[in-house]
Structures are given as C-alpha cells and as structure tokens.
Amino acid sequence: MTDTPADLDWVRAAPEDATGPGPWIELAFGEDDLVYLRETGAPENVVTTTRRKWDAFVLGVQAGEFDHFVADLEEERPPAPAEGRS
C-alpha cells in the first residue's frame, strides 16, 4: 500500500460550471510517476496507479473504448423528470 503524500495538488475532474460537493473524482500527479485518484465524498480512499497506465486509460476514454459502460447505465437509469414539472 502506498502512502498518500500530504503535499499533493489535487485537481477536480468536473465541468467548469459545476457547483456543489459532487461527488467528483480528483486526481494528483506525484513523484515516481504515480497518479493518485480519490472521490470527493471519500477523500481518505485513494487509488494509486502509474502515469503510463493513466495515460493509456485516458487514451481509451478518448477513443470510446468505454462507451458501452455509459450506454448500459443509461438503460438502467429511469428518465429524468421534465423541467418545470414535479
């Protein structure tokens, strides 16, 4: 298990206009090519990976390699209520 350095500069992965506590994913790039990830709702739970693996993941997201996960979620999610109605 890798200890999380106290001096990491966490960056929140959220839309620029996002407000509120999230939950959002935050990441930080540390020494020795390590990348740290956490969720704002549970910042004590940190996942660590390497920069090489992180870069491969980002390229996979950009290439659409994980789009089927989103499609599966949209099928399970009930439709959002129309604005102006409750």
N, C-alpha and C. Protein backbone atom coordinates (compact mmCIF):
# COMPACT_ATOMS: atom_id res chain seq x y z
N MET A 1 0.84 -1.18 0.00
CA MET A 1 0.00 0.00 0.00
C MET A 1 0.88 1.24 0.00
N THR A 2 0.57 2.19 -0.86
CA THR A 2 1.34 3.42 -0.98
C THR A 2 0.75 4.50 -0.09
N ASP A 3 1.59 5.15 0.69
CA ASP A 3 1.13 6.27 1.49
C ASP A 3 0.86 7.46 0.57
N THR A 4 -0.18 8.21 0.89
CA THR A 4 -0.52 9.38 0.09
C THR A 4 0.25 10.58 0.62
N PRO A 5 1.10 11.20 -0.22
CA PRO A 5 1.82 12.39 0.23
C PRO A 5 0.85 13.51 0.61
N ALA A 6 1.20 14.25 1.63
CA ALA A 6 0.32 15.33 2.11
C ALA A 6 0.35 16.56 1.21
N ASP A 7 1.39 16.71 0.40
CA ASP A 7 1.54 17.94 -0.38
C ASP A 7 1.07 17.82 -1.83
N LEU A 8 0.19 16.87 -2.13
CA LEU A 8 -0.29 16.71 -3.50
C LEU A 8 -1.21 17.87 -3.89
N ASP A 9 -1.16 18.22 -5.16
CA ASP A 9 -2.03 19.26 -5.71
C ASP A 9 -3.18 18.57 -6.43
N TRP A 10 -4.32 18.43 -5.75
CA TRP A 10 -5.47 17.71 -6.27
C TRP A 10 -6.22 18.57 -7.29
N VAL A 11 -6.61 17.93 -8.40
CA VAL A 11 -7.38 18.60 -9.44
C VAL A 11 -8.71 17.88 -9.55
N ARG A 12 -9.79 18.64 -9.51
CA ARG A 12 -11.13 18.07 -9.57
C ARG A 12 -11.55 17.89 -11.02
N ALA A 13 -12.00 16.71 -11.37
CA ALA A 13 -12.50 16.41 -12.72
C ALA A 13 -14.00 16.66 -12.73
N ALA A 14 -14.36 17.91 -12.98
CA ALA A 14 -15.75 18.31 -13.01
C ALA A 14 -15.91 19.40 -14.06
N PRO A 15 -17.10 19.55 -14.61
CA PRO A 15 -17.32 20.64 -15.56
C PRO A 15 -17.01 21.99 -14.90
N GLU A 16 -16.54 22.94 -15.70
CA GLU A 16 -16.15 24.24 -15.16
C GLU A 16 -17.28 24.93 -14.41
N ASP A 17 -18.52 24.75 -14.85
CA ASP A 17 -19.66 25.42 -14.23
C ASP A 17 -20.28 24.58 -13.10
N ALA A 18 -19.66 23.49 -12.73
CA ALA A 18 -20.20 22.61 -11.69
C ALA A 18 -20.15 23.29 -10.33
N THR A 19 -21.24 23.12 -9.59
CA THR A 19 -21.30 23.65 -8.24
C THR A 19 -21.66 22.51 -7.30
N GLY A 20 -21.46 22.74 -6.03
CA GLY A 20 -21.82 21.73 -5.05
C GLY A 20 -20.70 20.74 -4.81
N PRO A 21 -20.94 19.84 -3.88
CA PRO A 21 -19.88 18.93 -3.45
C PRO A 21 -19.65 17.74 -4.38
N GLY A 22 -20.46 17.56 -5.38
CA GLY A 22 -20.23 16.43 -6.28
C GLY A 22 -21.17 15.28 -5.95
N PRO A 23 -20.74 14.08 -6.04
CA PRO A 23 -19.37 13.59 -5.94
C PRO A 23 -18.60 13.78 -7.24
N TRP A 24 -17.35 14.14 -7.09
CA TRP A 24 -16.43 14.31 -8.21
C TRP A 24 -15.20 13.45 -7.97
N ILE A 25 -14.51 13.17 -9.04
CA ILE A 25 -13.23 12.48 -8.95
C ILE A 25 -12.14 13.55 -8.93
N GLU A 26 -11.15 13.35 -8.08
CA GLU A 26 -9.99 14.23 -8.03
C GLU A 26 -8.75 13.41 -8.32
N LEU A 27 -7.79 14.02 -8.98
CA LEU A 27 -6.54 13.32 -9.21
C LEU A 27 -5.36 14.23 -8.95
N ALA A 28 -4.23 13.60 -8.66
CA ALA A 28 -2.99 14.33 -8.39
C ALA A 28 -1.84 13.51 -8.96
N PHE A 29 -0.86 14.22 -9.48
CA PHE A 29 0.32 13.58 -10.02
C PHE A 29 1.44 13.75 -9.01
N GLY A 30 2.01 12.62 -8.60
CA GLY A 30 3.05 12.63 -7.57
C GLY A 30 4.40 12.24 -8.12
N GLU A 31 5.32 12.07 -7.21
CA GLU A 31 6.67 11.66 -7.57
C GLU A 31 6.68 10.21 -8.02
N ASP A 32 7.79 9.81 -8.62
CA ASP A 32 7.98 8.43 -9.07
C ASP A 32 6.92 7.99 -10.07
N ASP A 33 6.39 8.95 -10.84
CA ASP A 33 5.42 8.63 -11.90
C ASP A 33 4.10 8.07 -11.38
N LEU A 34 3.74 8.40 -10.14
CA LEU A 34 2.49 7.90 -9.57
C LEU A 34 1.35 8.89 -9.79
N VAL A 35 0.16 8.34 -10.00
CA VAL A 35 -1.06 9.13 -10.14
C VAL A 35 -2.00 8.67 -9.03
N TYR A 36 -2.57 9.63 -8.31
CA TYR A 36 -3.47 9.35 -7.19
C TYR A 36 -4.88 9.79 -7.57
N LEU A 37 -5.87 8.95 -7.27
CA LEU A 37 -7.26 9.26 -7.56
C LEU A 37 -8.09 9.07 -6.29
N ARG A 38 -9.07 9.95 -6.12
CA ARG A 38 -9.98 9.83 -4.98
C ARG A 38 -11.33 10.45 -5.37
N GLU A 39 -12.33 10.15 -4.57
CA GLU A 39 -13.66 10.73 -4.75
C GLU A 39 -13.86 11.79 -3.68
N THR A 40 -14.49 12.89 -4.04
CA THR A 40 -14.66 13.97 -3.06
C THR A 40 -15.46 13.52 -1.85
N GLY A 41 -16.36 12.58 -2.02
CA GLY A 41 -17.17 12.10 -0.91
C GLY A 41 -16.43 11.19 0.06
N ALA A 42 -15.29 10.67 -0.36
CA ALA A 42 -14.49 9.77 0.49
C ALA A 42 -13.01 10.01 0.21
N PRO A 43 -12.51 11.20 0.54
CA PRO A 43 -11.12 11.54 0.18
C PRO A 43 -10.07 10.70 0.88
N GLU A 44 -10.44 9.97 1.90
CA GLU A 44 -9.47 9.12 2.58
C GLU A 44 -9.18 7.83 1.79
N ASN A 45 -10.05 7.50 0.85
CA ASN A 45 -9.86 6.32 -0.01
C ASN A 45 -9.16 6.76 -1.29
N VAL A 46 -7.89 6.45 -1.38
CA VAL A 46 -7.08 6.88 -2.52
C VAL A 46 -6.61 5.66 -3.31
N VAL A 47 -6.77 5.72 -4.60
CA VAL A 47 -6.30 4.68 -5.51
C VAL A 47 -5.07 5.22 -6.21
N THR A 48 -4.05 4.39 -6.34
CA THR A 48 -2.80 4.81 -6.97
C THR A 48 -2.55 3.97 -8.21
N THR A 49 -2.09 4.62 -9.25
CA THR A 49 -1.69 3.93 -10.47
C THR A 49 -0.44 4.62 -11.02
N THR A 50 0.05 4.15 -12.13
CA THR A 50 1.23 4.77 -12.73
C THR A 50 0.79 5.76 -13.80
N ARG A 51 1.67 6.66 -14.14
CA ARG A 51 1.37 7.64 -15.19
C ARG A 51 1.13 6.93 -16.52
N ARG A 52 1.89 5.89 -16.81
CA ARG A 52 1.72 5.15 -18.06
C ARG A 52 0.32 4.53 -18.15
N LYS A 53 -0.13 3.91 -17.07
CA LYS A 53 -1.46 3.31 -17.06
C LYS A 53 -2.54 4.38 -17.14
N TRP A 54 -2.35 5.51 -16.45
CA TRP A 54 -3.32 6.61 -16.50
C TRP A 54 -3.43 7.15 -17.93
N ASP A 55 -2.30 7.37 -18.57
CA ASP A 55 -2.31 7.88 -19.94
C ASP A 55 -3.02 6.90 -20.89
N ALA A 56 -2.80 5.59 -20.70
CA ALA A 56 -3.47 4.59 -21.52
C ALA A 56 -4.98 4.62 -21.28
N PHE A 57 -5.39 4.81 -20.03
CA PHE A 57 -6.81 4.91 -19.71
C PHE A 57 -7.43 6.13 -20.39
N VAL A 58 -6.79 7.27 -20.29
CA VAL A 58 -7.31 8.50 -20.90
C VAL A 58 -7.43 8.33 -22.42
N LEU A 59 -6.43 7.75 -23.05
CA LEU A 59 -6.50 7.50 -24.49
C LEU A 59 -7.66 6.56 -24.82
N GLY A 60 -7.90 5.56 -23.98
CA GLY A 60 -9.02 4.66 -24.19
C GLY A 60 -10.36 5.37 -24.07
N VAL A 61 -10.49 6.26 -23.11
CA VAL A 61 -11.72 7.04 -22.96
C VAL A 61 -11.92 7.90 -24.21
N GLN A 62 -10.89 8.59 -24.64
CA GLN A 62 -10.99 9.45 -25.82
C GLN A 62 -11.34 8.65 -27.07
N ALA A 63 -10.89 7.40 -27.15
CA ALA A 63 -11.17 6.56 -28.31
C ALA A 63 -12.54 5.88 -28.24
N GLY A 64 -13.26 6.07 -27.13
CA GLY A 64 -14.59 5.48 -26.99
C GLY A 64 -14.60 4.04 -26.52
N GLU A 65 -13.48 3.56 -26.01
CA GLU A 65 -13.39 2.15 -25.60
C GLU A 65 -14.28 1.80 -24.41
N PHE A 66 -14.78 2.80 -23.70
CA PHE A 66 -15.60 2.53 -22.52
C PHE A 66 -17.03 3.02 -22.69
N ASP A 67 -17.39 3.44 -23.89
CA ASP A 67 -18.73 3.98 -24.13
C ASP A 67 -19.83 3.00 -23.81
N HIS A 68 -19.57 1.70 -23.96
CA HIS A 68 -20.61 0.71 -23.69
C HIS A 68 -21.01 0.71 -22.21
N PHE A 69 -20.12 1.12 -21.32
CA PHE A 69 -20.49 1.21 -19.90
C PHE A 69 -21.52 2.30 -19.68
N VAL A 70 -21.38 3.42 -20.36
CA VAL A 70 -22.32 4.52 -20.23
C VAL A 70 -23.66 4.12 -20.83
N ALA A 71 -23.66 3.46 -21.97
CA ALA A 71 -24.90 3.01 -22.59
C ALA A 71 -25.64 2.06 -21.65
N ASP A 72 -24.92 1.16 -20.98
CA ASP A 72 -25.55 0.25 -20.03
C ASP A 72 -26.18 1.02 -18.88
N LEU A 73 -25.51 2.04 -18.39
CA LEU A 73 -26.04 2.83 -17.29
C LEU A 73 -27.28 3.60 -17.71
N GLU A 74 -27.29 4.15 -18.91
CA GLU A 74 -28.44 4.91 -19.38
C GLU A 74 -29.67 4.03 -19.53
N GLU A 75 -29.48 2.77 -19.87
CA GLU A 75 -30.61 1.85 -19.98
C GLU A 75 -31.21 1.54 -18.62
N GLU A 76 -30.39 1.51 -17.57
CA GLU A 76 -30.85 1.17 -16.22
C GLU A 76 -31.45 2.38 -15.50
N ARG A 77 -31.05 3.57 -15.89
CA ARG A 77 -31.45 4.80 -15.20
C ARG A 77 -32.86 5.19 -15.61
N PRO A 78 -33.73 5.52 -14.65
CA PRO A 78 -35.07 5.99 -15.01
C PRO A 78 -34.97 7.37 -15.65
N PRO A 79 -35.91 7.74 -16.52
CA PRO A 79 -35.86 9.04 -17.18
C PRO A 79 -35.96 10.17 -16.16
N ALA A 80 -35.26 11.26 -16.42
CA ALA A 80 -35.30 12.43 -15.53
C ALA A 80 -36.65 13.12 -15.71
N PRO A 81 -37.19 13.70 -14.63
CA PRO A 81 -38.45 14.44 -14.78
C PRO A 81 -38.24 15.66 -15.65
N ALA A 82 -39.28 16.04 -16.41
CA ALA A 82 -39.21 17.21 -17.26
C ALA A 82 -39.10 18.46 -16.41
N GLU A 83 -38.36 19.45 -16.90
CA GLU A 83 -38.22 20.70 -16.13
C GLU A 83 -39.56 21.38 -15.99
N GLY A 84 -39.75 21.99 -14.83
CA GLY A 84 -40.98 22.71 -14.57
C GLY A 84 -42.10 21.83 -14.06
N ARG A 85 -41.89 20.53 -14.05
CA ARG A 85 -42.90 19.62 -13.51
C ARG A 85 -42.30 18.84 -12.36
N SER A 86 -43.13 18.43 -11.44
CA SER A 86 -42.65 17.61 -10.32
C SER A 86 -43.43 16.35 -10.20
